[in-house]
């Protein structure tokens, strides 16, 4: 009977170890599921907060766009053109002599694409007779 008793004791110890290992794995799986559930609750709370803030941003953007549209509809662009007629240039500082004034007149005429040969101080050669 001692042999049978040792087998029974061994079987009991083996069953206790198996129950302990099974309990350990069950506890681990329960812990994992609890942690996943807690993580999902935290993710859901973050997503709800994000959606709330995004809604506030969207509402603020809509208010801004409405204000900008109202502001731009009230803006008018006014174009005003005035024509300046200058018959002869006026040089206020008397710092150039007559030759300098002629050069200034010639430069103004050249810039305006006028006939520069009709200006006082013209140095164009005068032909004695018509060209052949």
Protein backbone atom coordinates (compact mmCIF):
# COMPACT_ATOMS: atom_id res chain seq x y z
CA UNK A 1 0.00 0.00 0.00
CA UNK A 2 2.82 2.35 0.43
CA UNK A 3 3.48 2.17 -3.22
CA UNK A 4 -0.11 3.11 -4.02
CA UNK A 5 -0.07 5.85 -1.41
CA UNK A 6 3.00 7.46 -2.92
CA UNK A 7 1.33 7.35 -6.34
CA UNK A 8 -1.76 8.98 -4.92
CA UNK A 9 0.35 11.63 -3.18
CA UNK A 10 2.28 12.21 -6.40
CA UNK A 11 -0.94 12.47 -8.39
CA UNK A 12 -2.33 14.92 -5.82
CA UNK A 13 0.82 17.03 -5.96
CA UNK A 14 0.70 16.95 -9.77
CA UNK A 15 -2.97 17.96 -9.70
CA UNK A 16 -2.17 20.80 -7.29
CA UNK A 17 0.62 22.00 -9.58
CA UNK A 18 -1.65 21.80 -12.62
CA UNK A 19 -4.36 23.70 -10.73
CA UNK A 20 -1.80 26.32 -9.67
CA UNK A 21 -0.48 26.71 -13.24
CA UNK A 22 -4.03 26.85 -14.59
CA UNK A 23 -4.93 29.47 -11.98
CA UNK A 24 -1.86 31.48 -12.87
CA UNK A 25 -2.72 31.52 -16.60
CA UNK A 26 -6.36 32.29 -15.82
CA UNK A 27 -5.23 35.21 -13.65
CA UNK A 28 -2.89 36.44 -16.37
CA UNK A 29 -5.65 36.30 -19.00
CA UNK A 30 -8.06 38.07 -16.63
CA UNK A 31 -5.44 40.75 -15.95
CA UNK A 32 -4.82 41.22 -19.68
CA UNK A 33 -8.57 41.57 -20.36
CA UNK A 34 -8.96 44.04 -17.51
CA UNK A 35 -6.01 46.05 -18.76
CA UNK A 36 -7.40 46.04 -22.32
CA UNK A 37 -10.80 47.17 -21.02
CA UNK A 38 -9.16 49.99 -19.04
CA UNK A 39 -7.11 51.01 -22.10
CA UNK A 40 -10.28 51.02 -24.26
CA UNK A 41 -12.07 53.24 -21.71
CA UNK A 42 -9.11 55.65 -21.72
CA UNK A 43 -8.99 55.66 -25.54
CA UNK A 44 -12.75 56.30 -25.71
CA UNK A 45 -12.43 59.19 -23.23
CA UNK A 46 -9.56 60.70 -25.27
CA UNK A 47 -11.54 60.31 -28.50
CA UNK A 48 -14.58 61.99 -26.95
CA UNK A 49 -12.40 64.89 -25.75
CA UNK A 50 -10.76 65.16 -29.18
CA UNK A 51 -14.15 65.26 -30.91
CA UNK A 52 -15.36 67.92 -28.47
CA UNK A 53 -12.30 70.09 -29.12
CA UNK A 54 -12.57 69.50 -32.89
CA UNK A 55 -16.20 70.64 -32.73
CA UNK A 56 -15.11 73.82 -30.94
CA UNK A 57 -12.40 74.42 -33.55
CA UNK A 58 -14.89 73.88 -36.39
CA UNK A 59 -17.43 76.25 -34.81
CA UNK A 60 -14.73 78.88 -34.32
CA UNK A 61 -13.61 78.46 -37.93
CA UNK A 62 -17.19 78.87 -39.16
CA UNK A 63 -17.60 82.05 -37.09
CA UNK A 64 -14.34 83.40 -38.49
CA UNK A 65 -15.35 82.60 -42.08
CA UNK A 66 -18.73 84.30 -41.61
CA UNK A 67 -17.04 87.38 -40.15
CA UNK A 68 -14.46 87.44 -42.94
CA UNK A 69 -17.19 87.13 -45.58
CA UNK A 70 -19.11 89.99 -43.98
CA UNK A 71 -15.95 92.11 -43.82
CA UNK A 72 -15.00 91.44 -47.44
CA UNK A 73 -18.51 92.17 -48.70
CA UNK A 74 -18.29 95.62 -47.08
CA UNK A 75 -14.94 96.46 -48.71
CA UNK A 76 -15.05 98.48 -51.89
CA UNK A 77 -12.06 99.22 -54.02
CA UNK A 78 -11.99 102.73 -55.40
CA UNK A 79 -9.86 103.56 -58.38
CA UNK A 80 -9.15 107.22 -58.96
CA UNK A 81 -7.13 108.32 -61.92
CA UNK A 82 -5.93 111.83 -62.41
CA UNK A 83 -4.30 113.20 -65.49
CA UNK A 84 -1.38 115.55 -65.12
CA UNK A 85 -0.66 117.90 -67.94
CA UNK A 86 2.79 119.42 -67.95
CA UNK A 87 3.39 121.93 -70.69
CA UNK A 88 6.97 122.64 -69.85
CA UNK A 89 9.21 121.26 -67.16
CA UNK A 90 10.11 123.55 -64.30
CA UNK A 91 13.55 123.30 -62.79
CA UNK A 92 13.45 124.92 -59.38
CA UNK A 93 17.12 124.82 -58.48
CA UNK A 94 19.28 126.98 -60.68
CA UNK A 95 22.24 124.67 -60.53
CA UNK A 96 22.69 123.98 -64.24
CA UNK A 97 23.44 126.35 -67.06
CA UNK A 98 21.68 126.52 -70.44
CA UNK A 99 23.65 123.54 -71.79
CA UNK A 100 22.63 121.47 -68.77
CA UNK A 101 18.98 122.42 -69.25
CA UNK A 102 19.27 121.36 -72.89
CA UNK A 103 20.70 118.02 -71.83
CA UNK A 104 17.90 117.54 -69.29
CA UNK A 105 15.29 118.39 -71.93
CA UNK A 106 16.87 115.96 -74.37
CA UNK A 107 16.92 113.20 -71.72
CA UNK A 108 13.23 113.83 -70.95
CA UNK A 109 12.36 113.79 -74.63
CA UNK A 110 14.29 110.57 -75.15
CA UNK A 111 12.53 108.97 -72.20
CA UNK A 112 9.14 110.08 -73.61
CA UNK A 113 10.12 109.00 -77.15
CA UNK A 114 9.60 112.49 -78.52
CA UNK A 115 11.44 114.04 -81.43
CA UNK A 116 14.70 115.10 -79.84
CA UNK A 117 15.81 117.18 -82.82
CA UNK A 118 13.27 119.93 -82.25
CA UNK A 119 14.71 120.87 -78.86
CA UNK A 120 16.73 124.02 -78.22
CA UNK A 121 20.44 123.33 -78.27
CA UNK A 122 20.02 120.89 -81.16
CA UNK A 123 23.36 119.64 -82.45
CA UNK A 124 22.00 117.80 -85.49
CA UNK A 125 24.00 118.58 -88.59
CA UNK A 126 22.11 120.70 -91.08
CA UNK A 127 22.29 119.42 -94.64
CA UNK A 128 23.28 121.84 -97.31
CA UNK A 129 21.26 120.04 -99.93
CA UNK A 130 18.90 117.04 -100.05
CA UNK A 131 20.53 113.65 -99.80
CA UNK A 132 20.85 111.65 -103.03
